[in-house]
């Protein structure tokens, strides 16, 4: 009897040891994640990102490539709407490419160090490492972390991250708002550590050639949304900048190009109420009709901040292109200008990159602020003196549906 009891005790202890060997707690997983992210040389992943920030979900194919120390390539494609944008970081800076329009935007930015991206492995791991109140669950095939979301969109509060048990590769990410509603979801179908990349993967020109424009065979138009213009304020003549528009035109002291009306600083659009100024001789001439306006597809945000009335719609010509201006008033006053430019000059004003999910935008100015982005070949300029940045992002993300004018 004693022999049977002793044998059973040994078997029980052995079983407990085996079980313990196959289970990891949150602390041990976090330590190993720190080692993985600090030692990795490169990675490549692909998957599907779904945005639920508007009335209808938008689905994008996501391709991510990273090479140590600071080379990034992110390709976002909406197959249904035939939209593709590529974000690059290389030795020359940060670029947003729109191959279909043959456009290249250049930013002087620390991206992505200064703002996280839901599809970047470093962002996901860092959010786990810094959140001491993290929640941890062991799923059937994955470790699941529930942590705070640290993105430039203040409405995103928390995120759940699924990591493969065997190698810590990302499987799925869900980012929720303050009401626990999932606003952004990323599902990875492939992810590899340590791939070898050709140098051309992170080169701007190579990426533009790999995605030929369907509208033009001209050379890409280089646009630099950021430039330090402090020299003009101190009374010094602005020196030519190597990042300027390839056309050779020089900006004036406000950061605008005087030879082309499509580069207008937000200050030039605003009157005292924070709305776009109506200047019959300026860039946003109201009431003008052109033959192209008949084919212009107007789009309206589905989101309106509380306390803001329905917009006034005004036909305009902006930078020589027909467009539409939506003027909102109420607790917040702001205008949204939409055009469909055939060409685009450099807008040399200070600003920063803003992740809108489906594209990158540029936020410039102080009071007022202007958020600029492109979508389906349209350029949008959201300008306000009192609309908070988080609200500007919500409005921009909700511009999806068409309206009749």
Protein backbone atom coordinates (compact mmCIF):
# COMPACT_ATOMS: atom_id res chain seq x y z
CA UNK A 1 0.00 0.00 0.00
CA UNK A 2 2.81 2.37 0.88
CA UNK A 3 4.58 1.48 -2.37
CA UNK A 4 1.43 2.37 -4.38
CA UNK A 5 1.04 5.68 -2.52
CA UNK A 6 4.68 6.57 -3.12
CA UNK A 7 4.40 5.71 -6.82
CA UNK A 8 1.28 7.83 -7.21
CA UNK A 9 2.98 10.77 -5.51
CA UNK A 10 5.97 10.50 -7.86
CA UNK A 11 3.69 10.37 -10.90
CA UNK A 12 1.77 13.40 -9.66
CA UNK A 13 4.93 15.42 -9.11
CA UNK A 14 6.24 14.41 -12.53
CA UNK A 15 2.99 15.52 -14.15
CA UNK A 16 3.12 18.87 -12.38
CA UNK A 17 6.70 19.43 -13.57
CA UNK A 18 5.73 18.66 -17.18
CA UNK A 19 2.76 20.98 -16.98
CA UNK A 20 4.89 23.75 -15.53
CA UNK A 21 7.46 23.38 -18.30
CA UNK A 22 4.82 24.01 -20.94
CA UNK A 23 3.35 27.12 -19.33
CA UNK A 24 4.78 30.64 -19.29
CA UNK A 25 3.57 33.53 -17.23
CA UNK A 26 3.32 37.14 -18.39
CA UNK A 27 6.67 38.15 -16.86
CA UNK A 28 8.65 35.46 -18.63
CA UNK A 29 6.97 36.20 -21.98
CA UNK A 30 7.66 39.92 -21.60
CA UNK A 31 11.35 39.26 -20.92
CA UNK A 32 11.63 37.08 -24.00
CA UNK A 33 9.79 39.66 -26.14
CA UNK A 34 12.31 42.28 -25.06
CA UNK A 35 15.14 40.01 -26.21
CA UNK A 36 13.42 39.28 -29.54
CA UNK A 37 12.79 42.91 -30.47
CA UNK A 38 16.32 43.99 -29.45
CA UNK A 39 18.05 41.23 -31.38
CA UNK A 40 16.00 41.12 -34.58
CA UNK A 41 17.67 42.35 -37.76
CA UNK A 42 14.67 42.38 -40.08
CA UNK A 43 11.13 41.14 -40.60
CA UNK A 44 8.46 40.97 -43.26
CA UNK A 45 4.74 40.51 -42.80
CA UNK A 46 1.45 40.72 -44.65
CA UNK A 47 -2.18 40.64 -43.69
CA UNK A 48 -5.50 42.45 -43.70
CA UNK A 49 -6.38 45.64 -41.85
CA UNK A 50 -10.03 46.56 -41.27
CA UNK A 51 -11.00 50.10 -40.27
CA UNK A 52 -14.38 50.64 -38.62
CA UNK A 53 -14.06 54.40 -38.14
CA UNK A 54 -16.72 55.30 -40.74
CA UNK A 55 -20.23 54.18 -41.60
CA UNK A 56 -18.91 51.21 -43.57
CA UNK A 57 -15.83 49.10 -42.72
CA UNK A 58 -12.85 49.60 -45.03
CA UNK A 59 -10.50 46.70 -45.70
CA UNK A 60 -6.87 47.10 -46.73
CA UNK A 61 -4.14 44.68 -47.64
CA UNK A 62 -1.04 45.47 -45.58
CA UNK A 63 2.56 44.58 -46.44
CA UNK A 64 5.29 45.49 -43.93
CA UNK A 65 9.06 45.28 -44.38
CA UNK A 66 11.71 46.31 -41.85
CA UNK A 67 15.51 46.28 -42.00
CA UNK A 68 17.71 47.36 -39.10
CA UNK A 69 18.45 50.09 -38.17
CA UNK A 70 15.70 52.33 -39.62
CA UNK A 71 14.47 51.12 -43.00
CA UNK A 72 10.71 50.66 -43.34
CA UNK A 73 8.32 49.95 -46.19
CA UNK A 74 4.55 49.78 -45.62
CA UNK A 75 2.18 49.19 -48.53
CA UNK A 76 -1.55 49.76 -48.01
CA UNK A 77 -3.93 48.60 -50.75
CA UNK A 78 -7.70 48.85 -50.98
CA UNK A 79 -8.45 46.50 -53.84
CA UNK A 80 -12.13 47.44 -54.07
CA UNK A 81 -11.36 51.13 -54.61
CA UNK A 82 -8.03 50.58 -56.39
CA UNK A 83 -6.11 52.65 -53.82
CA UNK A 84 -2.43 52.02 -53.05
CA UNK A 85 -0.08 54.08 -50.93
CA UNK A 86 3.43 53.23 -49.81
CA UNK A 87 5.22 54.65 -46.78
CA UNK A 88 9.01 54.48 -46.87
CA UNK A 89 11.74 55.37 -44.47
CA UNK A 90 15.29 55.30 -45.79
CA UNK A 91 18.51 57.32 -45.55
CA UNK A 92 16.88 60.25 -47.37
CA UNK A 93 13.92 60.65 -45.02
CA UNK A 94 10.30 59.57 -44.77
CA UNK A 95 8.21 59.36 -47.94
CA UNK A 96 4.56 58.75 -48.75
CA UNK A 97 4.14 57.49 -52.32
CA UNK A 98 0.94 57.53 -54.36
CA UNK A 99 2.05 55.64 -57.47
CA UNK A 100 -1.26 55.92 -59.30
CA UNK A 101 -1.03 59.73 -59.16
CA UNK A 102 2.74 59.68 -59.68
CA UNK A 103 3.24 61.71 -56.49
CA UNK A 104 5.95 61.57 -53.84
CA UNK A 105 5.54 63.35 -50.50
CA UNK A 106 8.61 63.85 -48.36
CA UNK A 107 8.55 64.42 -44.59
CA UNK A 108 11.32 65.49 -42.24
CA UNK A 109 10.13 63.22 -39.48
CA UNK A 110 11.25 60.74 -36.84
CA UNK A 111 8.47 58.38 -37.89
CA UNK A 112 7.79 55.77 -36.67
CA UNK A 113 9.70 56.50 -33.46
CA UNK A 114 7.47 59.48 -32.65
CA UNK A 115 4.20 57.63 -33.29
CA UNK A 116 3.24 53.98 -33.31
CA UNK A 117 1.63 51.94 -36.06
CA UNK A 118 -0.67 49.02 -35.39
CA UNK A 119 1.01 46.88 -38.08
CA UNK A 120 4.60 47.41 -36.88
CA UNK A 121 6.08 44.72 -34.64
CA UNK A 122 8.13 47.23 -32.61
CA UNK A 123 5.01 49.23 -31.78
CA UNK A 124 3.12 46.17 -30.58
CA UNK A 125 5.95 44.85 -28.42
CA UNK A 126 6.71 48.27 -26.95
CA UNK A 127 3.08 48.72 -25.90
CA UNK A 128 3.34 45.42 -24.01
CA UNK A 129 6.66 46.28 -22.37
CA UNK A 130 5.66 49.70 -21.05
CA UNK A 131 2.21 48.80 -19.70
CA UNK A 132 2.74 47.52 -16.18
CA UNK A 133 -1.01 46.98 -15.83
CA UNK A 134 -1.07 44.65 -18.84
CA UNK A 135 -3.52 41.77 -18.85
CA UNK A 136 -2.31 38.36 -19.98
CA UNK A 137 -4.18 35.27 -21.17
CA UNK A 138 -2.90 32.01 -22.63
CA UNK A 139 -4.96 31.00 -25.66
CA UNK A 140 -4.84 27.65 -27.40
CA UNK A 141 -2.07 28.67 -29.81
CA UNK A 142 -1.22 32.19 -28.71
CA UNK A 143 -0.32 34.48 -25.86
CA UNK A 144 -2.87 37.30 -25.66
CA UNK A 145 -2.01 40.70 -24.15
CA UNK A 146 -4.57 43.39 -23.37
CA UNK A 147 -2.73 46.72 -23.03
CA UNK A 148 -3.20 50.45 -23.41
CA UNK A 149 -3.23 51.78 -26.97
CA UNK A 150 -0.64 54.51 -27.54
CA UNK A 151 -1.57 56.10 -30.86
CA UNK A 152 -2.05 59.69 -31.98
CA UNK A 153 -5.80 59.05 -32.16
CA UNK A 154 -7.04 59.80 -28.66
CA UNK A 155 -10.28 57.85 -29.20
CA UNK A 156 -8.34 54.56 -29.32
CA UNK A 157 -8.04 53.35 -25.74
CA UNK A 158 -6.92 49.71 -25.61
CA UNK A 159 -5.63 46.92 -27.81
CA UNK A 160 -5.48 43.14 -27.68
CA UNK A 161 -2.42 41.51 -29.23
CA UNK A 162 -2.19 37.82 -30.15
CA UNK A 163 1.36 36.40 -30.40
CA UNK A 164 2.22 32.92 -31.59
CA UNK A 165 3.34 30.74 -28.67
CA UNK A 166 6.28 29.15 -30.45
CA UNK A 167 8.05 32.21 -31.92
CA UNK A 168 6.19 35.35 -30.75
CA UNK A 169 5.15 36.30 -34.27
CA UNK A 170 2.08 38.58 -34.40
CA UNK A 171 -1.16 36.84 -35.28
CA UNK A 172 -3.87 39.42 -34.70
CA UNK A 173 -4.42 42.90 -33.24
CA UNK A 174 -7.67 44.56 -32.16
CA UNK A 175 -7.72 48.24 -31.18
CA UNK A 176 -10.79 49.46 -29.30
CA UNK A 177 -12.24 52.82 -28.35
CA UNK A 178 -13.33 53.94 -24.89
CA UNK A 179 -16.60 52.05 -25.35
CA UNK A 180 -14.73 48.78 -26.04
CA UNK A 181 -15.85 48.83 -29.68
CA UNK A 182 -13.20 47.45 -32.06
CA UNK A 183 -12.20 50.27 -34.43
CA UNK A 184 -9.11 48.77 -36.05
CA UNK A 185 -8.32 45.11 -36.64
CA UNK A 186 -5.21 43.59 -38.20
CA UNK A 187 -4.92 39.90 -39.06
CA UNK A 188 -1.52 38.66 -40.21
CA UNK A 189 -1.50 35.80 -42.70
CA UNK A 190 2.31 35.72 -42.96
CA UNK A 191 5.19 36.97 -40.83
CA UNK A 192 8.90 36.10 -41.00
CA UNK A 193 11.91 37.16 -38.98
CA UNK A 194 15.29 37.64 -40.65
CA UNK A 195 14.52 37.95 -44.39
CA UNK A 196 17.18 39.39 -46.69
CA UNK A 197 16.08 42.44 -48.68
CA UNK A 198 17.37 43.89 -51.89
CA UNK A 199 18.44 47.53 -51.45
CA UNK A 200 15.77 48.63 -53.94
CA UNK A 201 12.97 47.56 -51.56
CA UNK A 202 13.45 50.75 -49.56
CA UNK A 203 14.33 53.09 -52.44
CA UNK A 204 11.79 55.71 -53.48
CA UNK A 205 12.43 55.61 -57.23
CA UNK A 206 12.33 51.83 -57.36
CA UNK A 207 8.97 51.72 -55.61
CA UNK A 208 7.50 54.29 -57.99
CA UNK A 209 8.66 52.29 -61.00
CA UNK A 210 7.30 49.08 -59.50
CA UNK A 211 3.87 50.76 -59.24
CA UNK A 212 3.52 52.57 -62.60
CA UNK A 213 1.02 55.39 -62.88
CA UNK A 214 -2.08 54.67 -64.91
CA UNK A 215 -2.61 58.38 -65.59
CA UNK A 216 0.72 59.80 -66.69
CA UNK A 217 4.19 58.88 -67.92
CA UNK A 218 5.82 62.00 -66.49
CA UNK A 219 8.47 61.99 -63.80
CA UNK A 220 7.09 61.86 -60.23
CA UNK A 221 6.29 65.20 -58.60
CA UNK A 222 8.32 65.58 -55.42
CA UNK A 223 6.43 67.28 -52.60
CA UNK A 224 8.04 68.27 -49.30
CA UNK A 225 5.34 69.06 -46.73
CA UNK A 226 7.89 70.00 -44.06
CA UNK A 227 10.65 72.57 -44.02
CA UNK A 228 12.06 74.75 -41.28
CA UNK A 229 11.20 78.34 -42.17
CA UNK A 230 12.53 79.97 -39.02
CA UNK A 231 15.25 81.72 -41.02
CA UNK A 232 12.70 83.94 -42.69
CA UNK A 233 11.31 84.99 -39.33
CA UNK A 234 14.74 86.05 -38.14
CA UNK A 235 15.23 88.28 -41.16
CA UNK A 236 17.62 86.01 -43.06
CA UNK A 237 16.99 85.19 -46.67
CA UNK A 238 15.72 81.66 -47.10
CA UNK A 239 18.43 79.54 -48.66
CA UNK A 240 17.53 77.10 -51.43
CA UNK A 241 16.64 73.74 -49.94
CA UNK A 242 17.56 70.43 -51.47
CA UNK A 243 14.16 69.10 -50.44
CA UNK A 244 12.26 71.70 -52.45
CA UNK A 245 9.92 71.05 -55.36
CA UNK A 246 11.77 69.74 -58.40
CA UNK A 247 10.21 72.47 -60.52
CA UNK A 248 12.70 74.90 -58.99
CA UNK A 249 10.15 77.38 -57.68
CA UNK A 250 11.05 79.00 -54.38
CA UNK A 251 8.58 79.42 -51.52
CA UNK A 252 7.75 82.80 -50.06
CA UNK A 253 8.16 83.59 -46.36
CA UNK A 254 4.80 82.08 -45.48
CA UNK A 255 6.00 78.74 -46.82
CA UNK A 256 3.86 78.88 -49.95
CA UNK A 257 4.84 78.79 -53.59
CA UNK A 258 3.80 82.12 -55.15
CA UNK A 259 3.78 80.67 -58.63
CA UNK A 260 1.19 78.01 -57.98
CA UNK A 261 -2.07 78.45 -56.12
CA UNK A 262 -2.36 74.83 -55.04
CA UNK A 263 0.07 75.31 -52.15
CA UNK A 264 -1.81 77.53 -49.74
CA UNK A 265 -0.97 77.80 -46.07
CA UNK A 266 -3.86 77.29 -43.68
CA UNK A 267 -3.50 80.88 -42.45
CA UNK A 268 -4.40 82.20 -45.90
CA UNK A 269 -7.68 80.31 -45.89
CA UNK A 270 -8.99 81.50 -42.57
CA UNK A 271 -11.01 84.45 -41.41
CA UNK A 272 -11.55 85.48 -37.78
CA UNK A 273 -14.21 82.82 -37.22
CA UNK A 274 -11.86 80.01 -38.22
CA UNK A 275 -13.49 79.39 -41.60
CA UNK A 276 -11.99 79.55 -45.04
CA UNK A 277 -11.84 83.06 -46.40
CA UNK A 278 -13.67 83.69 -49.65
CA UNK A 279 -11.34 85.60 -51.94
CA UNK A 280 -12.63 86.02 -55.46
CA UNK A 281 -9.12 86.62 -56.71
CA UNK A 282 -7.46 83.98 -54.56
CA UNK A 283 -7.09 80.23 -54.60
CA UNK A 284 -10.51 79.39 -53.20
CA UNK A 285 -12.76 81.38 -55.49
CA UNK A 286 -16.37 80.57 -54.73
CA UNK A 287 -19.21 80.31 -57.15
CA UNK A 288 -16.95 79.46 -60.08
CA UNK A 289 -18.11 76.74 -62.47
CA UNK A 290 -15.96 74.75 -64.85
CA UNK A 291 -16.62 71.98 -67.32
CA UNK A 292 -14.66 69.57 -65.14
CA UNK A 293 -16.96 70.22 -62.16
CA UNK A 294 -19.65 68.10 -63.81
CA UNK A 295 -17.45 65.04 -63.29
CA UNK A 296 -16.35 66.03 -59.78
CA UNK A 297 -17.34 63.47 -57.13
CA UNK A 298 -18.04 65.22 -53.85
CA UNK A 299 -17.47 63.36 -50.58
CA UNK A 300 -18.75 64.22 -47.12
CA UNK A 301 -17.60 63.16 -43.63
CA UNK A 302 -20.01 60.80 -41.90
CA UNK A 303 -18.83 62.09 -38.52
CA UNK A 304 -19.78 65.51 -37.15
CA UNK A 305 -18.66 66.61 -33.66
CA UNK A 306 -21.40 67.27 -31.13
CA UNK A 307 -22.61 70.85 -31.21
CA UNK A 308 -21.73 71.40 -34.87
CA UNK A 309 -24.43 72.13 -37.44
CA UNK A 310 -24.85 70.65 -40.92
CA UNK A 311 -22.37 72.18 -43.36
CA UNK A 312 -22.87 74.85 -45.95
CA UNK A 313 -21.71 73.60 -49.37
CA UNK A 314 -19.94 76.04 -51.67
CA UNK A 315 -18.54 75.33 -55.14
CA UNK A 316 -15.01 76.70 -55.47
CA UNK A 317 -11.95 76.72 -57.68
CA UNK A 318 -8.85 75.91 -55.63
CA UNK A 319 -5.42 76.00 -57.25
CA UNK A 320 -7.05 76.04 -60.67
CA UNK A 321 -9.06 72.90 -59.96
CA UNK A 322 -12.82 72.67 -59.35
CA UNK A 323 -13.72 71.72 -55.82
CA UNK A 324 -16.14 71.87 -52.97
CA UNK A 325 -15.89 73.67 -49.65
CA UNK A 326 -17.91 72.46 -46.65
CA UNK A 327 -18.22 75.13 -43.95
CA UNK A 328 -19.16 73.94 -40.45
CA UNK A 329 -20.19 76.20 -37.57
CA UNK A 330 -21.24 75.70 -33.97
CA UNK A 331 -19.19 74.76 -30.93
CA UNK A 332 -16.37 74.16 -33.41
CA UNK A 333 -15.84 76.09 -36.65
CA UNK A 334 -13.97 74.44 -39.49
CA UNK A 335 -13.89 74.05 -43.25
CA UNK A 336 -13.18 71.04 -45.44
CA UNK A 337 -11.94 71.74 -48.97
CA UNK A 338 -11.95 68.91 -51.50
CA UNK A 339 -10.35 69.06 -54.93
CA UNK A 340 -9.22 66.63 -57.57
CA UNK A 341 -5.90 68.13 -58.65
CA UNK A 342 -4.30 67.20 -61.94
CA UNK A 343 -0.94 68.29 -60.56
CA UNK A 344 0.34 69.37 -57.19
CA UNK A 345 3.02 71.86 -56.23
CA UNK A 346 5.22 71.74 -53.15
CA UNK A 347 3.72 72.89 -49.86
CA UNK A 348 6.74 73.97 -47.86
CA UNK A 349 5.27 74.51 -44.38
CA UNK A 350 6.23 72.97 -41.03
CA UNK A 351 4.12 69.99 -40.03
CA UNK A 352 4.03 66.43 -38.85
CA UNK A 353 2.81 63.11 -40.17
CA UNK A 354 -0.57 61.90 -38.93
CA UNK A 355 -1.66 58.29 -39.33
CA UNK A 356 -5.26 58.18 -40.57
CA UNK A 357 -5.25 54.41 -40.93
CA UNK A 358 -5.93 54.32 -44.66
CA UNK A 359 -3.27 56.92 -45.49
CA UNK A 360 -0.84 59.40 -43.98
CA UNK A 361 -1.87 63.00 -43.51
CA UNK A 362 0.09 66.17 -42.81
CA UNK A 363 -0.84 68.43 -39.89
CA UNK A 364 0.55 71.95 -40.13
CA UNK A 365 0.07 75.30 -38.46
CA UNK A 366 -0.72 76.20 -34.87
CA UNK A 367 -3.82 78.36 -34.81
CA UNK A 368 -5.38 77.60 -37.19
CA UNK A 369 -4.29 74.05 -37.96
CA UNK A 370 -4.64 72.37 -41.34
CA UNK A 371 -4.80 68.61 -41.88
CA UNK A 372 -4.10 67.61 -45.48
CA UNK A 373 -4.46 64.16 -47.04
CA UNK A 374 -5.30 62.41 -50.32
CA UNK A 375 -7.94 59.75 -50.91
CA UNK A 376 -9.05 58.16 -54.21
CA UNK A 377 -7.21 60.86 -56.15
CA UNK A 378 -8.86 63.67 -54.19
CA UNK A 379 -7.01 66.12 -51.98
CA UNK A 380 -8.61 67.23 -48.73
CA UNK A 381 -7.72 70.20 -46.51
CA UNK A 382 -9.40 70.38 -43.10
CA UNK A 383 -8.74 73.74 -41.45
CA UNK A 384 -9.84 75.02 -38.06
CA UNK A 385 -8.78 77.37 -35.28
CA UNK A 386 -10.52 75.48 -32.47
CA UNK A 387 -11.20 71.88 -33.55
CA UNK A 388 -9.01 69.54 -31.43
CA UNK A 389 -6.55 67.30 -33.21
CA UNK A 390 -8.38 64.14 -32.12
CA UNK A 391 -11.61 65.50 -33.62
CA UNK A 392 -9.81 66.46 -36.84
CA UNK A 393 -8.62 62.88 -37.19
CA UNK A 394 -12.12 61.52 -36.60
CA UNK A 395 -13.54 63.82 -39.27
CA UNK A 396 -10.81 62.88 -41.75
CA UNK A 397 -11.25 59.15 -41.17
CA UNK A 398 -14.98 59.41 -41.83
CA UNK A 399 -14.69 60.95 -45.31
CA UNK A 400 -15.90 58.02 -47.38
CA UNK A 401 -19.42 58.47 -48.75
CA UNK A 402 -20.36 60.42 -51.87
CA UNK A 403 -22.87 63.26 -51.78
CA UNK A 404 -24.83 65.10 -54.45
CA UNK A 405 -24.26 68.80 -54.83
